[in-house]
Amino acid sequence: MPLTQAESVIKNIIREIGQECAAHGEIVSETLVAFMVKAVVLDPSNGFNMDRTLMKSDVQKLVKLCVARLLDNKNPSLDTIKMQVYFDMNYTSREEFLEEHHRVLESRLGSVSREITDNRACAREELESLYRKIVSYVLLRSGLGSPTDIKIVREATAALQSVFPHSELGTFLTLTKKDKERQLKELTMIVTGIRLFNRDCGKGGEGIDDLPAILHEAIPATTQHIDSQLQIAQDQVYRYTAILEKVTKNPLMSKELEPYMLKEALYNVRQYEVFLQIILPIFISLASLWTSFQDETVLISVLSSLTSHLEPFLGAHELLFPDRIMQSLLDDVTVKTDVCRIKEHMEDRVRLTDFKKLEWLFPETTANFEKLLIQYRGFCGYTFATTDGLLLPGNPTIGILKYKEKYYTFNTREAAYSFAENPEYYIGLIKEKAKKNAELIQLLELHQQFETLVPYSQVRDVDKHYIKPITKCESSTQTDTHILPPTIVRAYEWNEWELRRKAIKLANLRQKITHSVQTDLSHMRRENCSQVYPLKDASTQSNREGSTGVPKPQIYIAGLRGGRSKTTHAVKVNLTRAVDET
């Protein structure tokens, strides 16, 4: 199926699911529907094959399953997914929020700035109007008071006149547009500084809020609310974890509690805890930033609103597990905090001698040990895989396993050893478990294994979180006494009497005349010598004797057969070639 056609089919499915939910009185966003479609398709129990084209019956089945899950308001898994979608849609980092805030401020000031920079005032009334616009621009950009309040306008005008009198308007109008904008920003900073100084001296500062006092009250109030919610969530997490541990040891109890979705409730509260912990450090950083009080005040209101809107997503698990049911399930069970679980196994550390091919990291040998990005948000992957989804916090002091550039922690040394024997097997089990519970993809940060489900809030920060460990080791260096060659000047002389003697010698030489004679034999010649080696007696030995060949004698005698005369006359001719001709 072509890509554009596939996208069209998916959009139609999402639109149909949204309409079905709306018909039942449930308004859902397209983002939530898209996530639910992916979660339903990933679940192997639903029988969807990703390698073949969806038939009409498959589409109808998909729509039906998604609508059923979206309308199930008593399911903690749905609450968790809704919470994740809401957080991703509304959360931005502090830098991004302030960047957006400043961008909006610049866009609002754009029209006022253009009225000033494009102005071609000449008459006196026009110049007066231009000056008032500059005052308004300064107040709007600084944000310290309304430009409609006459007292604030008078104070800002007086501060501006002290550094930019009316007589400077002519020079200002001759500047380029870019220089005008730069000067307006500089004037805003100067006037703002003057007004803040006057406020501190008690001679001005009309309309300027006491931002330090506002933050001093707002930050503790907001953080106290978050701390209390975080404490409640952690208490619930500890109780659910204790019950699930009890269930894993009693198979009969597991069947009885299966309809109650106990694990989904744990995932719901754990996700809420994670989001609160993400928000809380931002407030801690706010308290130390005293140079941007106005930005921090706006940011507090946004984060406070975000926190209050997360609470409604906790409704389902409270209906399923009220206090009376929880108390009955907690009989004969010790509720442990995450800190208590970590302290129980502080001394059970991994022995490096037991592993030759795997790398383990420890606090005393790794400089940035606390900043490493731990897989599964720091939960023990082995326990999660072998107990069908129990989340227990990993203990970094036992040792952090480095496997394929990723880092894993475990709650016990035995779990670490078992996981290290076959990491791929347990990673695969966790991935299959996440397919059945889609909320685990974000809760355990499994987005790399499901790339299509990476939330927008984490796509932008995917490179920022990756930190490589800086390991420590014992080492020593040896420094040579003299690493550079000596620079001793042999001609140096410290004795002044010796220097005097050399000076007199040079002075006498200046009075002497040097003669030289050149002859025909010495012309264009120089002294030279060469070295030769005398010949030595040498002999060779051969395996057989050898000789040289001489020309073969060839003698021709003519007239031996006779002729016309009766007497035979023979003529002897020597045809042998000379030796030097061979």
Protein backbone atom coordinates (compact mmCIF):
# COMPACT_ATOMS: atom_id res chain seq x y z
CA MET A 1 0.00 0.00 0.00
CA PRO A 2 1.49 3.42 -0.92
CA LEU A 3 2.47 5.66 1.97
CA THR A 4 -0.08 8.39 1.18
CA GLN A 5 -2.87 5.83 0.91
CA ALA A 6 -1.85 4.22 4.20
CA GLU A 7 -1.86 7.62 5.92
CA SER A 8 -5.33 8.31 4.54
CA VAL A 9 -6.62 4.98 5.89
CA ILE A 10 -5.14 5.66 9.34
CA LYS A 11 -6.68 9.15 9.44
CA ASN A 12 -10.07 7.70 8.54
CA ILE A 13 -9.74 5.08 11.30
CA ILE A 14 -8.81 7.75 13.86
CA ARG A 15 -11.70 9.96 12.75
CA GLU A 16 -14.18 7.06 12.94
CA ILE A 17 -13.01 6.09 16.44
CA GLY A 18 -13.33 9.70 17.62
CA GLN A 19 -16.87 9.92 16.26
CA GLU A 20 -17.85 6.64 17.93
CA CYS A 21 -16.54 7.86 21.29
CA ALA A 22 -18.29 11.20 20.86
CA ALA A 23 -21.58 9.39 20.19
CA HIS A 24 -21.18 7.72 23.60
CA GLY A 25 -20.51 11.06 25.31
CA GLU A 26 -16.70 10.73 25.52
CA ILE A 27 -14.64 13.42 23.79
CA VAL A 28 -11.11 12.16 22.99
CA SER A 29 -8.22 13.86 21.22
CA GLU A 30 -6.73 12.56 17.98
CA THR A 31 -3.40 12.08 19.75
CA LEU A 32 -4.98 9.77 22.33
CA VAL A 33 -6.83 7.84 19.62
CA ALA A 34 -3.65 7.44 17.55
CA PHE A 35 -1.78 6.11 20.59
CA MET A 36 -4.59 3.69 21.38
CA VAL A 37 -4.64 2.41 17.77
CA LYS A 38 -0.93 1.67 17.99
CA ALA A 39 -1.32 0.00 21.39
CA VAL A 40 -4.13 -2.26 20.16
CA VAL A 41 -2.21 -3.27 17.02
CA LEU A 42 0.95 -4.03 19.05
CA ASP A 43 -0.87 -6.31 21.50
CA PRO A 44 -0.29 -9.84 20.12
CA SER A 45 -3.47 -11.10 21.78
CA ASN A 46 -5.53 -9.03 19.32
CA GLY A 47 -4.13 -10.93 16.32
CA PHE A 48 -3.14 -8.07 14.03
CA ASN A 49 -0.36 -8.77 11.51
CA MET A 50 1.76 -5.72 10.79
CA ASP A 51 3.22 -7.28 7.61
CA ARG A 52 -0.03 -7.46 5.64
CA THR A 53 -2.63 -4.91 4.54
CA LEU A 54 -5.60 -4.44 6.86
CA MET A 55 -8.81 -5.85 5.42
CA LYS A 56 -12.21 -4.26 5.97
CA SER A 57 -12.98 -6.77 8.72
CA ASP A 58 -9.64 -5.92 10.38
CA VAL A 59 -10.49 -2.23 10.34
CA GLN A 60 -13.89 -2.86 11.90
CA LYS A 61 -12.30 -5.04 14.57
CA LEU A 62 -9.65 -2.38 15.25
CA VAL A 63 -12.25 0.37 15.61
CA LYS A 64 -14.34 -1.77 17.94
CA LEU A 65 -11.41 -2.67 20.21
CA CYS A 66 -10.17 0.93 20.38
CA VAL A 67 -13.61 2.33 21.21
CA ALA A 68 -14.09 -0.31 23.90
CA ARG A 69 -10.77 0.58 25.55
CA LEU A 70 -11.35 4.33 25.28
CA LEU A 71 -14.80 4.03 26.91
CA ASP A 72 -13.57 1.81 29.77
CA ASN A 73 -13.39 4.49 32.46
CA LYS A 74 -12.64 1.97 35.23
CA ASN A 75 -9.35 0.85 33.69
CA PRO A 76 -6.14 2.25 35.31
CA SER A 77 -4.27 1.47 32.09
CA LEU A 78 -6.45 3.95 30.20
CA ASP A 79 -5.87 6.55 32.92
CA THR A 80 -2.12 6.08 32.57
CA ILE A 81 -2.20 6.47 28.80
CA LYS A 82 -4.39 9.59 29.07
CA MET A 83 -1.97 11.02 31.65
CA GLN A 84 1.01 10.35 29.37
CA VAL A 85 -0.69 11.94 26.36
CA TYR A 86 -1.73 15.02 28.37
CA PHE A 87 1.77 15.45 29.80
CA ASP A 88 3.39 15.15 26.37
CA MET A 89 0.99 17.67 24.87
CA ASN A 90 1.44 20.27 27.63
CA TYR A 91 4.94 19.86 29.06
CA THR A 92 7.91 21.78 27.68
CA SER A 93 11.32 22.35 29.15
CA ARG A 94 12.08 25.61 30.90
CA GLU A 95 14.28 26.85 28.05
CA GLU A 96 11.66 26.10 25.42
CA PHE A 97 8.87 27.72 27.41
CA LEU A 98 10.85 30.92 27.97
CA GLU A 99 11.90 30.95 24.31
CA GLU A 100 8.25 30.72 23.27
CA HIS A 101 7.29 33.39 25.83
CA HIS A 102 9.89 35.78 24.45
CA ARG A 103 8.86 35.01 20.87
CA VAL A 104 5.25 35.93 21.65
CA LEU A 105 6.45 39.12 23.35
CA GLU A 106 8.50 40.07 20.28
CA SER A 107 5.52 39.46 17.98
CA ARG A 108 3.30 41.70 20.14
CA LEU A 109 5.91 44.45 20.11
CA GLY A 110 6.44 44.14 16.35
CA SER A 111 3.72 46.63 15.36
CA VAL A 112 4.82 49.23 17.93
CA SER A 113 8.44 48.83 16.86
CA ARG A 114 7.58 49.30 13.19
CA GLU A 115 5.59 52.48 13.96
CA ILE A 116 8.75 53.92 15.53
CA THR A 117 11.40 52.68 13.07
CA ASP A 118 9.36 53.55 9.97
CA ASN A 119 8.39 57.00 11.27
CA ARG A 120 9.37 60.05 9.15
CA ALA A 121 8.31 62.76 11.62
CA CYS A 122 9.26 66.33 10.84
CA ALA A 123 6.77 68.61 12.58
CA ARG A 124 6.91 69.30 16.30
CA GLU A 125 3.63 67.52 17.01
CA GLU A 126 4.82 64.46 15.09
CA LEU A 127 8.06 64.36 17.09
CA GLU A 128 6.12 64.59 20.36
CA SER A 129 3.92 61.68 19.24
CA LEU A 130 7.01 59.65 18.28
CA TYR A 131 8.57 60.25 21.72
CA ARG A 132 5.40 59.07 23.47
CA LYS A 133 5.47 55.91 21.33
CA ILE A 134 9.06 55.26 22.42
CA VAL A 135 7.96 55.58 26.07
CA SER A 136 5.13 53.10 25.46
CA TYR A 137 7.51 50.70 23.75
CA VAL A 138 9.92 50.86 26.71
CA LEU A 139 7.13 50.09 29.18
CA LEU A 140 5.67 47.25 27.07
CA ARG A 141 9.05 45.63 26.54
CA SER A 142 10.12 45.89 30.18
CA GLY A 143 6.75 44.66 31.49
CA LEU A 144 7.10 46.87 34.55
CA GLY A 145 3.82 48.73 34.59
CA SER A 146 1.00 49.60 32.21
CA PRO A 147 1.53 52.29 29.52
CA THR A 148 -1.99 53.59 30.26
CA ASP A 149 -1.22 54.50 33.87
CA ILE A 150 -0.33 58.21 33.93
CA LYS A 151 1.96 57.89 36.98
CA ILE A 152 3.97 55.09 35.41
CA VAL A 153 4.19 56.96 32.08
CA ARG A 154 5.47 60.12 33.82
CA GLU A 155 8.15 58.16 35.70
CA ALA A 156 9.27 56.32 32.56
CA THR A 157 9.33 59.58 30.56
CA ALA A 158 11.51 61.27 33.16
CA ALA A 159 13.94 58.31 33.18
CA LEU A 160 14.07 58.29 29.37
CA GLN A 161 14.68 62.05 29.14
CA SER A 162 17.74 61.72 31.38
CA VAL A 163 19.48 59.52 28.79
CA PHE A 164 17.57 60.31 25.58
CA PRO A 165 16.26 63.89 25.47
CA HIS A 166 13.93 65.17 22.76
CA SER A 167 16.85 66.81 20.96
CA GLU A 168 18.23 63.35 20.11
CA LEU A 169 15.18 62.43 18.01
CA GLY A 170 16.69 64.00 14.91
CA THR A 171 19.79 61.85 15.16
CA PHE A 172 17.64 58.80 15.91
CA LEU A 173 15.61 59.29 12.73
CA THR A 174 18.75 59.27 10.57
CA LEU A 175 19.75 55.78 11.74
CA THR A 176 19.07 52.60 9.80
CA LYS A 177 16.13 50.40 10.76
CA LYS A 178 18.43 47.81 12.36
CA ASP A 179 20.28 50.44 14.40
CA LYS A 180 16.96 51.95 15.54
CA GLU A 181 15.78 48.56 16.83
CA ARG A 182 19.07 48.02 18.64
CA GLN A 183 18.93 51.46 20.27
CA LEU A 184 15.31 50.89 21.38
CA LYS A 185 16.36 47.71 23.19
CA GLU A 186 19.28 49.50 24.85
CA LEU A 187 17.02 52.37 25.95
CA THR A 188 14.58 49.86 27.44
CA MET A 189 17.33 48.25 29.51
CA ILE A 190 18.65 51.61 30.71
CA VAL A 191 15.22 53.01 31.65
CA THR A 192 14.30 49.74 33.39
CA GLY A 193 17.52 49.88 35.39
CA ILE A 194 16.88 53.50 36.40
CA ARG A 195 13.33 52.68 37.55
CA LEU A 196 14.51 49.65 39.54
CA PHE A 197 17.20 51.78 41.17
CA ASN A 198 14.67 54.49 42.05
CA ARG A 199 12.35 51.85 43.51
CA ASP A 200 15.15 50.51 45.70
CA CYS A 201 15.89 54.06 46.88
CA GLY A 202 12.21 54.67 47.65
CA LYS A 203 11.92 57.48 45.07
CA GLY A 204 9.97 55.70 42.35
CA GLY A 205 9.19 52.26 41.00
CA GLU A 206 5.49 52.88 40.45
CA GLY A 207 3.71 49.74 39.19
CA ILE A 208 6.71 47.43 39.67
CA ASP A 209 5.68 44.22 41.46
CA ASP A 210 7.76 42.79 44.27
CA LEU A 211 8.74 39.72 42.25
CA PRO A 212 11.11 38.26 44.87
CA ALA A 213 8.33 38.36 47.45
CA ILE A 214 5.86 36.81 45.00
CA LEU A 215 8.27 33.96 44.22
CA HIS A 216 9.09 33.59 47.90
CA GLU A 217 5.44 32.81 48.57
CA ALA A 218 4.54 31.00 45.36
CA ILE A 219 7.42 28.53 45.18
CA PRO A 220 7.03 27.01 48.69
CA ALA A 221 3.25 26.82 48.28
CA THR A 222 3.48 24.98 44.98
CA THR A 223 6.34 22.68 45.99
CA GLN A 224 4.57 21.81 49.23
CA HIS A 225 1.51 20.69 47.25
CA ILE A 226 3.68 18.63 44.90
CA ASP A 227 5.58 17.08 47.81
CA SER A 228 2.36 16.03 49.49
CA GLN A 229 1.01 14.52 46.27
CA LEU A 230 4.32 12.78 45.69
CA GLN A 231 4.27 11.32 49.19
CA ILE A 232 0.72 10.01 48.70
CA ALA A 233 1.66 8.47 45.35
CA GLN A 234 4.77 6.82 46.80
CA ASP A 235 2.81 5.35 49.70
CA GLN A 236 0.34 3.84 47.22
CA VAL A 237 3.22 2.54 45.10
CA TYR A 238 4.81 0.85 48.09
CA ARG A 239 1.55 -0.82 49.08
CA TYR A 240 0.76 -2.03 45.57
CA THR A 241 4.30 -3.37 45.26
CA ALA A 242 4.03 -5.24 48.55
CA ILE A 243 0.72 -6.82 47.50
CA LEU A 244 2.13 -7.86 44.13
CA GLU A 245 5.10 -9.46 45.84
CA LYS A 246 2.67 -11.43 47.95
CA VAL A 247 0.70 -12.41 44.85
CA THR A 248 3.78 -13.70 43.02
CA LYS A 249 4.37 -16.18 45.85
CA ASN A 250 0.76 -17.37 45.90
CA PRO A 251 -0.59 -18.50 42.47
CA LEU A 252 -4.14 -18.96 43.80
CA MET A 253 -4.26 -15.37 44.99
CA SER A 254 -3.04 -14.26 41.55
CA LYS A 255 -6.12 -15.71 39.85
CA GLU A 256 -8.45 -14.08 42.35
CA LEU A 257 -6.97 -10.59 41.88
CA GLU A 258 -6.50 -10.78 38.11
CA PRO A 259 -9.78 -8.94 37.29
CA TYR A 260 -8.80 -6.07 39.61
CA MET A 261 -5.89 -5.01 37.34
CA LEU A 262 -3.51 -4.60 40.26
CA LYS A 263 -0.43 -4.24 38.08
CA GLU A 264 -2.11 -1.63 35.90
CA ALA A 265 -2.92 0.35 39.05
CA LEU A 266 0.76 0.17 40.05
CA TYR A 267 1.80 1.42 36.61
CA ASN A 268 -0.71 4.28 36.91
CA VAL A 269 0.61 5.53 40.24
CA ARG A 270 4.23 5.00 39.24
CA GLN A 271 3.71 7.15 36.13
CA TYR A 272 2.13 9.88 38.26
CA GLU A 273 5.13 9.72 40.60
CA VAL A 274 7.54 10.03 37.66
CA PHE A 275 5.77 13.11 36.29
CA LEU A 276 5.72 14.81 39.68
CA GLN A 277 9.44 14.17 40.07
CA ILE A 278 10.03 15.72 36.65
CA ILE A 279 8.11 18.85 37.66
CA LEU A 280 9.64 19.17 41.14
CA PRO A 281 13.27 19.86 40.09
CA ILE A 282 12.07 22.77 37.99
CA PHE A 283 10.76 24.50 41.10
CA ILE A 284 14.06 23.89 42.86
CA SER A 285 15.88 25.66 40.02
CA LEU A 286 13.39 28.53 40.15
CA ALA A 287 14.38 29.36 43.69
CA SER A 288 18.01 30.01 42.65
CA LEU A 289 17.25 32.26 39.69
CA TRP A 290 16.87 35.85 40.88
CA THR A 291 17.57 37.60 37.60
CA SER A 292 14.41 36.69 35.71
CA PHE A 293 11.63 36.98 38.26
CA GLN A 294 8.94 37.85 35.76
CA ASP A 295 9.60 34.79 33.59
CA GLU A 296 9.67 32.55 36.65
CA THR A 297 6.31 33.87 37.88
CA VAL A 298 4.65 32.99 34.58
CA LEU A 299 6.35 29.59 34.55
CA ILE A 300 5.06 28.79 38.03
CA SER A 301 1.47 29.30 36.97
CA VAL A 302 1.92 26.98 33.98
CA LEU A 303 3.55 24.21 36.01
CA SER A 304 0.98 24.57 38.79
CA SER A 305 -1.82 24.21 36.26
CA LEU A 306 -0.08 21.18 34.75
CA THR A 307 0.17 19.54 38.18
CA SER A 308 -3.47 20.12 39.06
CA HIS A 309 -4.61 18.68 35.74
CA LEU A 310 -2.69 15.43 36.34
CA GLU A 311 -4.73 14.50 39.42
CA PRO A 312 -8.00 13.58 37.60
CA PHE A 313 -6.16 10.74 35.85
CA LEU A 314 -5.92 8.80 39.13
CA GLY A 315 -9.62 8.02 39.49
CA ALA A 316 -9.85 4.42 38.31
CA HIS A 317 -7.41 2.79 40.71
CA GLU A 318 -9.02 4.49 43.70
CA LEU A 319 -12.40 3.03 42.73
CA LEU A 320 -10.95 -0.47 42.33
CA PHE A 321 -8.92 -0.42 45.54
CA PRO A 322 -10.56 1.59 48.33
CA ASP A 323 -8.99 1.62 51.79
CA ARG A 324 -10.97 -1.36 53.15
CA ILE A 325 -9.82 -3.61 50.30
CA MET A 326 -6.26 -2.39 50.63
CA GLN A 327 -6.19 -3.10 54.37
CA SER A 328 -7.43 -6.65 53.85
CA LEU A 329 -4.82 -7.29 51.17
CA LEU A 330 -2.04 -5.82 53.32
CA ASP A 331 -2.56 -8.32 56.15
CA ASP A 332 0.71 -9.99 57.16
CA VAL A 333 2.60 -7.83 54.65
CA THR A 334 5.40 -5.40 55.44
CA VAL A 335 5.17 -2.25 53.34
CA LYS A 336 8.69 -1.15 52.35
CA THR A 337 9.78 2.12 50.84
CA ASP A 338 12.16 2.28 47.88
CA VAL A 339 14.91 3.53 50.19
CA CYS A 340 14.42 0.57 52.56
CA ARG A 341 14.68 -1.89 49.68
CA ILE A 342 17.91 -0.30 48.50
CA LYS A 343 19.43 -0.31 51.99
CA GLU A 344 18.72 -4.04 52.41
CA HIS A 345 21.25 -4.93 49.71
CA MET A 346 23.83 -2.17 50.02
CA GLU A 347 26.65 -4.64 50.80
CA ASP A 348 25.72 -7.30 48.20
CA ARG A 349 27.87 -5.98 45.38
CA VAL A 350 28.82 -7.61 42.12
CA ARG A 351 32.29 -9.20 42.11
CA LEU A 352 34.27 -8.20 39.03
CA THR A 353 36.24 -11.45 39.15
CA ASP A 354 33.04 -13.33 38.23
CA PHE A 355 32.79 -11.51 34.88
CA LYS A 356 35.46 -11.28 32.21
CA LYS A 357 33.51 -10.08 29.18
CA LEU A 358 30.99 -7.70 30.83
CA GLU A 359 31.69 -4.22 32.19
CA TRP A 360 30.33 -3.12 35.58
CA LEU A 361 30.35 0.44 36.93
CA PHE A 362 30.59 1.43 40.61
CA PRO A 363 30.34 4.80 42.43
CA GLU A 364 34.00 4.87 43.45
CA THR A 365 35.28 4.15 39.92
CA THR A 366 32.89 6.32 37.86
CA ALA A 367 33.02 10.11 38.09
CA ASN A 368 29.54 10.85 36.68
CA PHE A 369 27.90 7.81 38.29
CA GLU A 370 24.74 9.70 39.34
CA LYS A 371 24.15 11.16 35.86
CA LEU A 372 24.04 7.93 33.86
CA LEU A 373 20.81 7.25 31.97
CA ILE A 374 19.59 3.96 33.48
CA GLN A 375 17.33 1.73 31.43
CA TYR A 376 13.71 1.13 32.55
CA ARG A 377 13.82 4.37 34.62
CA GLY A 378 16.02 2.63 37.17
CA PHE A 379 13.71 -0.33 37.84
CA CYS A 380 15.11 -3.88 37.98
CA GLY A 381 14.65 -5.41 34.54
CA TYR A 382 15.21 -8.98 35.74
CA THR A 383 12.48 -8.77 38.41
CA PHE A 384 10.08 -7.18 35.94
CA ALA A 385 10.68 -9.92 33.36
CA THR A 386 10.55 -12.92 35.70
CA THR A 387 7.65 -11.88 37.95
CA ASP A 388 5.28 -10.92 35.14
CA GLY A 389 5.56 -7.18 35.56
CA LEU A 390 6.58 -6.34 39.16
CA LEU A 391 8.39 -2.99 39.39
CA LEU A 392 11.14 -2.87 42.02
CA PRO A 393 13.72 -0.06 42.19
CA GLY A 394 17.24 -0.99 41.12
CA ASN A 395 20.15 -0.46 43.47
CA PRO A 396 23.06 1.27 41.66
CA THR A 397 25.52 0.52 44.48
CA ILE A 398 25.28 -3.19 43.66
CA GLY A 399 26.79 -2.34 40.30
CA ILE A 400 25.55 -0.93 37.01
CA LEU A 401 25.79 -3.31 34.08
CA LYS A 402 27.01 -1.75 30.82
CA TYR A 403 25.64 -3.77 27.91
CA LYS A 404 25.68 -2.49 24.32
CA GLU A 405 26.21 1.12 25.49
CA LYS A 406 23.17 0.92 27.80
CA TYR A 407 23.10 0.76 31.61
CA TYR A 408 21.01 -1.54 33.83
CA THR A 409 20.47 -1.68 37.60
CA PHE A 410 19.11 -4.53 39.74
CA ASN A 411 17.51 -4.85 43.17
CA THR A 412 19.72 -7.79 44.28
CA ARG A 413 23.06 -9.28 43.32
CA GLU A 414 21.35 -12.54 42.35
CA ALA A 415 19.13 -10.64 39.91
CA ALA A 416 22.19 -8.93 38.44
CA TYR A 417 23.99 -12.25 37.93
CA SER A 418 20.95 -13.88 36.35
CA PHE A 419 20.35 -10.98 33.98
CA ALA A 420 24.03 -10.85 32.99
CA GLU A 421 23.98 -14.52 31.91
CA ASN A 422 21.58 -13.76 29.03
CA PRO A 423 20.69 -10.05 28.72
CA GLU A 424 19.06 -10.40 25.30
CA TYR A 425 16.57 -12.95 26.62
CA TYR A 426 15.31 -10.72 29.43
CA ILE A 427 15.28 -7.60 27.23
CA GLY A 428 13.05 -9.51 24.82
CA LEU A 429 10.70 -10.55 27.63
CA ILE A 430 10.33 -6.94 28.73
CA LYS A 431 9.58 -5.84 25.18
CA GLU A 432 6.86 -8.49 24.80
CA LYS A 433 5.34 -7.45 28.13
CA ALA A 434 5.25 -3.82 26.94
CA LYS A 435 3.27 -4.87 23.88
CA LYS A 436 0.50 -6.12 26.14
CA ASN A 437 0.54 -3.02 28.38
CA ALA A 438 1.14 -0.04 26.10
CA GLU A 439 1.56 2.39 29.00
CA LEU A 440 4.84 0.64 29.85
CA ILE A 441 6.47 2.03 26.71
CA GLN A 442 6.68 5.49 28.24
CA LEU A 443 6.80 4.46 31.88
CA LEU A 444 9.91 2.32 31.28
CA GLU A 445 11.27 4.53 28.45
CA LEU A 446 11.16 1.81 25.80
CA HIS A 447 10.83 4.28 22.93
CA GLN A 448 13.96 3.06 21.14
CA GLN A 449 12.37 -0.36 20.76
CA PHE A 450 9.11 1.22 19.58
CA GLU A 451 10.40 4.19 17.60
CA THR A 452 7.00 5.19 16.24
CA LEU A 453 5.74 5.89 19.78
CA VAL A 454 8.45 8.30 20.95
CA PRO A 455 6.61 11.22 22.63
CA TYR A 456 7.23 14.70 21.29
CA SER A 457 8.53 15.90 24.65
CA GLN A 458 11.33 13.32 24.56
CA VAL A 459 12.24 13.40 20.86
CA ARG A 460 13.80 16.83 21.35
CA ASP A 461 15.84 15.74 24.37
CA VAL A 462 16.92 12.29 23.16
CA ASP A 463 20.52 13.44 22.63
CA LYS A 464 20.71 15.54 25.76
CA HIS A 465 20.13 12.70 28.19
CA TYR A 466 22.84 10.40 26.88
CA ILE A 467 25.92 10.65 29.14
CA LYS A 468 28.89 8.33 28.87
CA PRO A 469 30.54 7.17 32.10
CA ILE A 470 33.88 8.64 33.13
CA THR A 471 35.70 5.76 34.79
CA LYS A 472 38.56 6.16 37.25
CA CYS A 473 41.68 4.03 37.65
CA GLU A 474 44.96 4.12 39.57
CA SER A 475 47.81 5.45 37.44
CA SER A 476 51.19 7.07 37.88
CA THR A 477 53.44 9.23 35.75
CA GLN A 478 57.17 9.81 35.75
CA THR A 479 58.62 13.20 34.87
CA ASP A 480 62.17 13.41 33.58
CA THR A 481 64.44 15.91 35.25
CA HIS A 482 65.50 17.45 31.96
CA ILE A 483 63.02 16.72 29.20
CA LEU A 484 64.60 19.25 26.82
CA PRO A 485 68.18 19.12 25.47
CA PRO A 486 70.65 21.32 27.41
CA THR A 487 71.14 24.86 26.13
CA ILE A 488 74.61 25.45 27.52
CA VAL A 489 76.53 28.15 25.64
CA ARG A 490 80.15 27.05 25.64
CA ALA A 491 81.35 30.47 24.58
CA TYR A 492 79.87 32.12 27.68
CA GLU A 493 82.44 33.61 30.02
CA TRP A 494 81.69 34.97 33.45
CA ASN A 495 85.23 36.17 34.32
CA GLU A 496 85.58 39.80 33.46
CA TRP A 497 89.38 39.52 33.21
CA GLU A 498 89.08 36.79 30.62
CA LEU A 499 86.59 38.94 28.73
CA ARG A 500 89.14 41.82 28.88
CA ARG A 501 91.86 39.59 27.46
CA LYS A 502 89.63 38.52 24.53
CA ALA A 503 88.67 42.13 23.87
CA ILE A 504 92.35 43.21 23.66
CA LYS A 505 93.08 40.31 21.30
CA LEU A 506 90.24 41.34 19.01
CA ALA A 507 91.42 44.96 19.11
CA ASN A 508 94.94 43.93 18.08
CA LEU A 509 93.63 41.82 15.22
CA ARG A 510 91.87 44.86 13.78
CA GLN A 511 95.29 46.51 13.29
CA LYS A 512 96.83 43.54 11.43
CA ILE A 513 96.86 42.98 7.67
CA THR A 514 96.13 39.55 6.22
CA HIS A 515 97.85 38.61 2.93
CA SER A 516 96.91 35.82 0.56
CA VAL A 517 98.50 34.58 -2.67
CA GLN A 518 96.82 32.57 -5.39
CA THR A 519 98.64 30.71 -8.20
CA ASP A 520 97.51 29.06 -11.37
CA LEU A 521 97.70 25.67 -9.71
CA SER A 522 95.52 26.72 -6.81
CA HIS A 523 92.94 28.52 -8.94
CA MET A 524 89.42 27.11 -8.51
CA ARG A 525 90.76 24.33 -6.37
CA ARG A 526 90.40 23.31 -2.82
CA GLU A 527 92.01 20.80 -0.58
CA ASN A 528 90.40 17.46 -0.88
CA CYS A 529 91.12 13.93 0.01
CA SER A 530 89.66 10.60 -0.87
CA GLN A 531 89.86 7.22 0.68
CA VAL A 532 90.17 4.02 -1.33
CA TYR A 533 90.44 0.43 -0.41
CA PRO A 534 93.39 -1.52 -1.90
CA LEU A 535 92.62 -4.46 -4.16
CA LYS A 536 92.73 -7.81 -2.55
CA ASP A 537 93.55 -11.19 -3.96
CA ALA A 538 90.48 -13.19 -4.71
CA SER A 539 89.82 -16.50 -6.29
CA THR A 540 86.84 -18.52 -7.37
CA GLN A 541 86.27 -22.22 -7.38
CA SER A 542 84.24 -23.96 -10.06
CA ASN A 543 82.76 -27.44 -10.16
CA ARG A 544 84.30 -28.41 -13.53
CA GLU A 545 87.14 -27.42 -15.71
CA GLY A 546 86.52 -25.10 -18.58
CA SER A 547 88.37 -24.10 -21.73
CA THR A 548 87.98 -21.87 -24.72
CA GLY A 549 87.50 -23.13 -28.31
CA VAL A 550 89.89 -22.29 -31.20
CA PRO A 551 88.91 -22.09 -34.86
CA LYS A 552 88.59 -25.49 -36.59
CA PRO A 553 91.18 -25.96 -39.31
CA GLN A 554 89.68 -25.99 -42.82
CA ILE A 555 92.01 -26.75 -45.75
CA TYR A 556 90.79 -27.12 -49.37
CA ILE A 557 92.85 -28.88 -52.06
CA ALA A 558 91.83 -28.20 -55.63
CA GLY A 559 92.73 -30.32 -58.74
CA LEU A 560 92.78 -33.77 -57.17
CA ARG A 561 90.35 -35.16 -59.78
CA GLY A 562 92.53 -34.24 -62.65
CA GLY A 563 91.81 -32.23 -65.71
CA ARG A 564 92.63 -31.94 -69.41
CA SER A 565 96.31 -32.50 -68.80
CA LYS A 566 97.70 -35.85 -67.91
CA THR A 567 99.70 -34.45 -65.06
CA THR A 568 97.76 -33.65 -61.88
CA HIS A 569 98.36 -30.26 -60.42
CA ALA A 570 96.92 -29.78 -56.89
CA VAL A 571 96.39 -26.42 -55.31
CA LYS A 572 96.18 -26.23 -51.45
CA VAL A 573 94.04 -23.45 -49.96
CA ASN A 574 93.94 -22.82 -46.14
CA LEU A 575 90.46 -21.63 -45.19
CA THR A 576 90.95 -21.64 -41.39
CA ARG A 577 89.73 -18.40 -39.80
CA ALA A 578 92.08 -16.32 -37.76
CA VAL A 579 91.84 -16.52 -33.96
CA ASP A 580 90.93 -12.84 -33.56
CA GLU A 581 87.99 -13.29 -35.93
CA THR A 582 86.20 -15.88 -33.82
